[in-house]
């Protein structure tokens, strides 16, 4: 690969990593996910076990589980201020019907939704204030109850002045092949 992957600076990749860490470092979220494969003393094991940085639709399985999946998407650049953009964080909670009841008087997907809103809503966890704009219950089929949350934030865009792309190391103004060659015009 010609790009140095260790030096990639992409706000979506960085923010998705932060969101995952916010979820797996919250002991209440880990407890309510109720996954026997995740050791509460090593909560980072929850990543790709029951917390996914993409939307994963659970398939047929032997054991009943609950999942938190999330995506982060850019919307178009702002119409008033072109250097700002809107991003949407979508969180989808899947809970198998066999473990919906938490014995706490509320459904697991609703409790996880509350905990996630408690962590993210009105916070600056991703650098700018997140606002919950969508909270809806649903189902995928006869086996899974869901809760979908969507958060919105306005954040600086990735504008890089004087570059045509991120791999061009010099600005257009500094490139020798772009300098206009001026001719001296004689007296008319």
C-alpha atoms as a PDB file:
ATOM      1  CA  UNK A   1       0.000   0.000   0.000  1.00  0.00           C
ATOM      2  CA  UNK A   2       1.422   3.409  -0.933  1.00  0.00           C
ATOM      3  CA  UNK A   3      -0.340   5.329   1.837  1.00  0.00           C
ATOM      4  CA  UNK A   4       1.038   5.249   5.361  1.00  0.00           C
ATOM      5  CA  UNK A   5      -1.985   3.828   7.172  1.00  0.00           C
ATOM      6  CA  UNK A   6      -0.570   4.895  10.548  1.00  0.00           C
ATOM      7  CA  UNK A   7      -0.753   8.549   9.456  1.00  0.00           C
ATOM      8  CA  UNK A   8      -4.282   8.562   8.060  1.00  0.00           C
ATOM      9  CA  UNK A   9      -6.313  11.333   9.652  1.00  0.00           C
ATOM     10  CA  UNK A  10      -9.966  10.758   8.914  1.00  0.00           C
ATOM     11  CA  UNK A  11     -12.552  12.186  11.269  1.00  0.00           C
ATOM     12  CA  UNK A  12     -15.034   9.343  10.701  1.00  0.00           C
ATOM     13  CA  UNK A  13     -12.476   6.639  11.554  1.00  0.00           C
ATOM     14  CA  UNK A  14     -11.296   8.547  14.627  1.00  0.00           C
ATOM     15  CA  UNK A  15     -14.798   9.344  15.887  1.00  0.00           C
ATOM     16  CA  UNK A  16     -16.047   5.776  15.410  1.00  0.00           C
ATOM     17  CA  UNK A  17     -13.144   4.596  17.550  1.00  0.00           C
ATOM     18  CA  UNK A  18     -14.112   7.094  20.270  1.00  0.00           C
ATOM     19  CA  UNK A  19     -17.765   5.971  20.201  1.00  0.00           C
ATOM     20  CA  UNK A  20     -16.764   2.314  20.590  1.00  0.00           C
ATOM     21  CA  UNK A  21     -14.573   3.183  23.555  1.00  0.00           C
ATOM     22  CA  UNK A  22     -17.355   5.260  25.154  1.00  0.00           C
ATOM     23  CA  UNK A  23     -19.665   2.248  24.927  1.00  0.00           C
ATOM     24  CA  UNK A  24     -17.304  -0.458  26.160  1.00  0.00           C
ATOM     25  CA  UNK A  25     -15.862   1.629  29.003  1.00  0.00           C
ATOM     26  CA  UNK A  26     -19.324   2.282  30.438  1.00  0.00           C
ATOM     27  CA  UNK A  27     -19.843  -0.506  33.011  1.00  0.00           C
ATOM     28  CA  UNK A  28     -23.645  -0.141  32.916  1.00  0.00           C
ATOM     29  CA  UNK A  29     -23.747  -0.667  29.139  1.00  0.00           C
ATOM     30  CA  UNK A  30     -21.523  -3.765  29.457  1.00  0.00           C
ATOM     31  CA  UNK A  31     -23.705  -5.120  32.266  1.00  0.00           C
ATOM     32  CA  UNK A  32     -26.977  -4.566  30.386  1.00  0.00           C
ATOM     33  CA  UNK A  33     -25.574  -6.113  27.169  1.00  0.00           C
ATOM     34  CA  UNK A  34     -25.319  -9.257  29.321  1.00  0.00           C
ATOM     35  CA  UNK A  35     -22.802 -11.124  27.160  1.00  0.00           C
ATOM     36  CA  UNK A  36     -21.040 -13.994  28.930  1.00  0.00           C
ATOM     37  CA  UNK A  37     -18.073 -13.775  26.533  1.00  0.00           C
ATOM     38  CA  UNK A  38     -17.208 -10.253  27.713  1.00  0.00           C
ATOM     39  CA  UNK A  39     -15.222 -10.075  30.939  1.00  0.00           C
ATOM     40  CA  UNK A  40     -16.271  -6.899  32.822  1.00  0.00           C
ATOM     41  CA  UNK A  41     -12.626  -6.397  33.833  1.00  0.00           C
ATOM     42  CA  UNK A  42     -11.619  -6.378  30.121  1.00  0.00           C
ATOM     43  CA  UNK A  43     -14.549  -4.524  28.544  1.00  0.00           C
ATOM     44  CA  UNK A  44     -12.662  -3.856  25.282  1.00  0.00           C
ATOM     45  CA  UNK A  45     -13.463  -7.517  24.480  1.00  0.00           C
ATOM     46  CA  UNK A  46     -16.972  -6.259  23.731  1.00  0.00           C
ATOM     47  CA  UNK A  47     -15.794  -4.769  20.414  1.00  0.00           C
ATOM     48  CA  UNK A  48     -16.775  -7.147  17.624  1.00  0.00           C
ATOM     49  CA  UNK A  49     -18.452  -9.417  20.158  1.00  0.00           C
ATOM     50  CA  UNK A  50     -21.494  -7.278  20.997  1.00  0.00           C
ATOM     51  CA  UNK A  51     -20.476  -3.741  19.958  1.00  0.00           C
ATOM     52  CA  UNK A  52     -19.894  -3.186  16.244  1.00  0.00           C
ATOM     53  CA  UNK A  53     -18.721  -0.022  14.414  1.00  0.00           C
ATOM     54  CA  UNK A  54     -21.048  -0.900  11.519  1.00  0.00           C
ATOM     55  CA  UNK A  55     -24.629  -2.103  11.225  1.00  0.00           C
ATOM     56  CA  UNK A  56     -24.607  -5.861  11.728  1.00  0.00           C
ATOM     57  CA  UNK A  57     -27.940  -7.589  11.321  1.00  0.00           C
ATOM     58  CA  UNK A  58     -27.950 -10.645  13.588  1.00  0.00           C
ATOM     59  CA  UNK A  59     -28.583 -13.912  11.793  1.00  0.00           C
ATOM     60  CA  UNK A  60     -29.766 -17.287  12.982  1.00  0.00           C
ATOM     61  CA  UNK A  61     -27.735 -18.299  15.998  1.00  0.00           C
ATOM     62  CA  UNK A  62     -27.666 -20.808  18.824  1.00  0.00           C
ATOM     63  CA  UNK A  63     -27.515 -18.316  21.679  1.00  0.00           C
ATOM     64  CA  UNK A  64     -29.600 -15.249  22.409  1.00  0.00           C
ATOM     65  CA  UNK A  65     -27.597 -12.008  22.420  1.00  0.00           C
ATOM     66  CA  UNK A  66     -27.905  -8.261  22.414  1.00  0.00           C
ATOM     67  CA  UNK A  67     -25.850  -5.977  20.164  1.00  0.00           C
ATOM     68  CA  UNK A  68     -25.043  -2.320  19.768  1.00  0.00           C
ATOM     69  CA  UNK A  69     -24.150  -1.289  16.219  1.00  0.00           C
ATOM     70  CA  UNK A  70     -23.313   2.189  15.012  1.00  0.00           C
ATOM     71  CA  UNK A  71     -22.352   4.185  11.926  1.00  0.00           C
ATOM     72  CA  UNK A  72     -21.158   7.736  11.404  1.00  0.00           C
ATOM     73  CA  UNK A  73     -22.058   9.524   8.195  1.00  0.00           C
ATOM     74  CA  UNK A  74     -21.249  12.890   6.682  1.00  0.00           C
ATOM     75  CA  UNK A  75     -24.042  14.955   5.268  1.00  0.00           C
ATOM     76  CA  UNK A  76     -23.462  17.607   2.672  1.00  0.00           C
ATOM     77  CA  UNK A  77     -21.335  20.615   3.486  1.00  0.00           C
ATOM     78  CA  UNK A  78     -23.306  23.394   5.153  1.00  0.00           C
ATOM     79  CA  UNK A  79     -25.162  25.806   2.910  1.00  0.00           C
ATOM     80  CA  UNK A  80     -24.380  28.889   4.997  1.00  0.00           C
ATOM     81  CA  UNK A  81     -20.844  28.090   6.115  1.00  0.00           C
ATOM     82  CA  UNK A  82     -19.018  25.892   3.584  1.00  0.00           C
ATOM     83  CA  UNK A  83     -16.287  25.010   6.077  1.00  0.00           C
ATOM     84  CA  UNK A  84     -18.776  23.177   8.335  1.00  0.00           C
ATOM     85  CA  UNK A  85     -20.584  19.896   7.757  1.00  0.00           C
ATOM     86  CA  UNK A  86     -23.295  17.922   9.496  1.00  0.00           C
ATOM     87  CA  UNK A  87     -22.553  14.416  10.729  1.00  0.00           C
ATOM     88  CA  UNK A  88     -25.042  11.795  11.872  1.00  0.00           C
ATOM     89  CA  UNK A  89     -24.246   9.067  14.367  1.00  0.00           C
ATOM     90  CA  UNK A  90     -26.743   6.228  14.048  1.00  0.00           C
ATOM     91  CA  UNK A  91     -26.911   3.636  16.831  1.00  0.00           C
ATOM     92  CA  UNK A  92     -29.002   0.500  16.408  1.00  0.00           C
ATOM     93  CA  UNK A  93     -29.604  -1.820  19.357  1.00  0.00           C
ATOM     94  CA  UNK A  94     -30.636  -5.427  18.668  1.00  0.00           C
ATOM     95  CA  UNK A  95     -31.935  -7.627  21.489  1.00  0.00           C
ATOM     96  CA  UNK A  96     -33.050 -11.224  21.022  1.00  0.00           C
ATOM     97  CA  UNK A  97     -36.603 -11.819  22.222  1.00  0.00           C
ATOM     98  CA  UNK A  98     -35.421 -14.382  24.791  1.00  0.00           C
ATOM     99  CA  UNK A  99     -33.479 -11.723  26.734  1.00  0.00           C
ATOM    100  CA  UNK A 100     -35.633  -8.609  26.247  1.00  0.00           C
ATOM    101  CA  UNK A 101     -36.756  -8.697  29.895  1.00  0.00           C
ATOM    102  CA  UNK A 102     -34.123  -7.287  32.264  1.00  0.00           C
ATOM    103  CA  UNK A 103     -35.892  -8.132  35.526  1.00  0.00           C
ATOM    104  CA  UNK A 104     -35.615  -4.396  36.247  1.00  0.00           C
ATOM    105  CA  UNK A 105     -39.092  -3.571  35.005  1.00  0.00           C
ATOM    106  CA  UNK A 106     -37.948  -2.389  31.565  1.00  0.00           C
ATOM    107  CA  UNK A 107     -36.951  -3.897  28.254  1.00  0.00           C
ATOM    108  CA  UNK A 108     -33.236  -4.376  27.522  1.00  0.00           C
ATOM    109  CA  UNK A 109     -33.309  -2.418  24.232  1.00  0.00           C
ATOM    110  CA  UNK A 110     -35.051   0.516  25.942  1.00  0.00           C
ATOM    111  CA  UNK A 111     -32.579   0.476  28.847  1.00  0.00           C
ATOM    112  CA  UNK A 112     -29.606   0.340  26.461  1.00  0.00           C
ATOM    113  CA  UNK A 113     -31.157   3.226  24.508  1.00  0.00           C
ATOM    114  CA  UNK A 114     -31.434   5.254  27.703  1.00  0.00           C
ATOM    115  CA  UNK A 115     -27.808   4.510  28.672  1.00  0.00           C
ATOM    116  CA  UNK A 116     -26.510   5.459  25.221  1.00  0.00           C
ATOM    117  CA  UNK A 117     -28.486   8.720  25.250  1.00  0.00           C
ATOM    118  CA  UNK A 118     -27.150   9.395  28.729  1.00  0.00           C
ATOM    119  CA  UNK A 119     -23.573   9.001  27.420  1.00  0.00           C
ATOM    120  CA  UNK A 120     -23.963  10.865  24.112  1.00  0.00           C
ATOM    121  CA  UNK A 121     -26.881  13.303  24.093  1.00  0.00           C
ATOM    122  CA  UNK A 122     -25.850  16.941  24.622  1.00  0.00           C
ATOM    123  CA  UNK A 123     -22.234  15.821  25.094  1.00  0.00           C
ATOM    124  CA  UNK A 124     -19.125  17.039  23.303  1.00  0.00           C
ATOM    125  CA  UNK A 125     -17.624  13.521  23.287  1.00  0.00           C
ATOM    126  CA  UNK A 126     -16.799  13.787  19.573  1.00  0.00           C
ATOM    127  CA  UNK A 127     -15.588  17.378  19.689  1.00  0.00           C
ATOM    128  CA  UNK A 128     -18.911  19.081  18.970  1.00  0.00           C
ATOM    129  CA  UNK A 129     -22.266  18.812  20.697  1.00  0.00           C
ATOM    130  CA  UNK A 130     -24.303  15.717  19.817  1.00  0.00           C
ATOM    131  CA  UNK A 131     -28.087  16.071  19.799  1.00  0.00           C
ATOM    132  CA  UNK A 132     -30.451  13.100  19.730  1.00  0.00           C
ATOM    133  CA  UNK A 133     -32.847  13.755  16.848  1.00  0.00           C
ATOM    134  CA  UNK A 134     -34.348  10.275  16.441  1.00  0.00           C
ATOM    135  CA  UNK A 135     -35.339   7.533  18.911  1.00  0.00           C
ATOM    136  CA  UNK A 136     -37.542   4.760  17.590  1.00  0.00           C
ATOM    137  CA  UNK A 137     -38.404   1.225  18.632  1.00  0.00           C
ATOM    138  CA  UNK A 138     -38.749  -1.498  16.013  1.00  0.00           C
ATOM    139  CA  UNK A 139     -38.060  -5.106  15.129  1.00  0.00           C
ATOM    140  CA  UNK A 140     -36.096  -6.968  12.476  1.00  0.00           C
ATOM    141  CA  UNK A 141     -38.191 -10.121  12.385  1.00  0.00           C
ATOM    142  CA  UNK A 142     -39.864 -12.344  14.946  1.00  0.00           C
ATOM    143  CA  UNK A 143     -36.617 -12.738  16.939  1.00  0.00           C
ATOM    144  CA  UNK A 144     -35.181  -9.251  17.565  1.00  0.00           C
ATOM    145  CA  UNK A 145     -36.484  -6.087  19.169  1.00  0.00           C
ATOM    146  CA  UNK A 146     -34.600  -2.948  18.157  1.00  0.00           C
ATOM    147  CA  UNK A 147     -34.123   0.628  19.205  1.00  0.00           C
ATOM    148  CA  UNK A 148     -32.626   3.088  16.724  1.00  0.00           C
ATOM    149  CA  UNK A 149     -31.106   6.357  17.892  1.00  0.00           C
ATOM    150  CA  UNK A 150     -29.720   9.073  15.682  1.00  0.00           C
ATOM    151  CA  UNK A 151     -27.522  11.927  16.848  1.00  0.00           C
ATOM    152  CA  UNK A 152     -26.640  15.022  14.863  1.00  0.00           C
ATOM    153  CA  UNK A 153     -23.656  17.350  15.175  1.00  0.00           C
ATOM    154  CA  UNK A 154     -22.222  20.174  13.150  1.00  0.00           C
ATOM    155  CA  UNK A 155     -18.470  19.876  12.817  1.00  0.00           C
ATOM    156  CA  UNK A 156     -15.656  21.450  10.813  1.00  0.00           C
ATOM    157  CA  UNK A 157     -15.324  20.067   7.305  1.00  0.00           C
ATOM    158  CA  UNK A 158     -12.127  18.586   5.979  1.00  0.00           C
ATOM    159  CA  UNK A 159     -11.235  21.510   3.763  1.00  0.00           C
ATOM    160  CA  UNK A 160      -7.597  21.673   2.759  1.00  0.00           C
ATOM    161  CA  UNK A 161      -6.905  24.963   1.000  1.00  0.00           C
ATOM    162  CA  UNK A 162      -4.494  25.050  -1.926  1.00  0.00           C
ATOM    163  CA  UNK A 163      -4.508  21.293  -2.491  1.00  0.00           C
ATOM    164  CA  UNK A 164      -6.294  19.340  -5.160  1.00  0.00           C
ATOM    165  CA  UNK A 165      -6.095  16.134  -3.106  1.00  0.00           C
ATOM    166  CA  UNK A 166      -4.530  14.921   0.111  1.00  0.00           C
ATOM    167  CA  UNK A 167      -1.620  13.192  -1.656  1.00  0.00           C
ATOM    168  CA  UNK A 168      -0.388  16.311  -3.357  1.00  0.00           C
ATOM    169  CA  UNK A 169       2.416  17.441  -1.095  1.00  0.00           C
ATOM    170  CA  UNK A 170       2.768  21.003  -2.382  1.00  0.00           C
ATOM    171  CA  UNK A 171       0.141  23.626  -2.805  1.00  0.00           C
ATOM    172  CA  UNK A 172      -0.918  24.515  -6.304  1.00  0.00           C
ATOM    173  CA  UNK A 173       0.720  27.919  -5.884  1.00  0.00           C
ATOM    174  CA  UNK A 174       4.102  26.312  -5.114  1.00  0.00           C
ATOM    175  CA  UNK A 175       4.173  23.715  -7.887  1.00  0.00           C
ATOM    176  CA  UNK A 176       6.686  24.470 -10.637  1.00  0.00           C
ATOM    177  CA  UNK A 177       4.591  22.872 -13.373  1.00  0.00           C
ATOM    178  CA  UNK A 178       1.677  25.211 -12.604  1.00  0.00           C
ATOM    179  CA  UNK A 179       3.599  28.492 -12.713  1.00  0.00           C
ATOM    180  CA  UNK A 180       2.522  30.613 -15.602  1.00  0.00           C
ATOM    181  CA  UNK A 181       5.306  31.367 -18.035  1.00  0.00           C
ATOM    182  CA  UNK A 182       5.023  35.018 -18.977  1.00  0.00           C
ATOM    183  CA  UNK A 183       6.391  36.284 -22.214  1.00  0.00           C
ATOM    184  CA  UNK A 184       7.766  39.756 -22.661  1.00  0.00           C
ATOM    185  CA  UNK A 185       5.731  41.515 -25.273  1.00  0.00           C
ATOM    186  CA  UNK A 186       7.590  44.105 -27.320  1.00  0.00           C
ATOM    187  CA  UNK A 187       6.401  47.665 -27.870  1.00  0.00           C
ATOM    188  CA  UNK A 188       3.276  47.922 -29.911  1.00  0.00           C
END
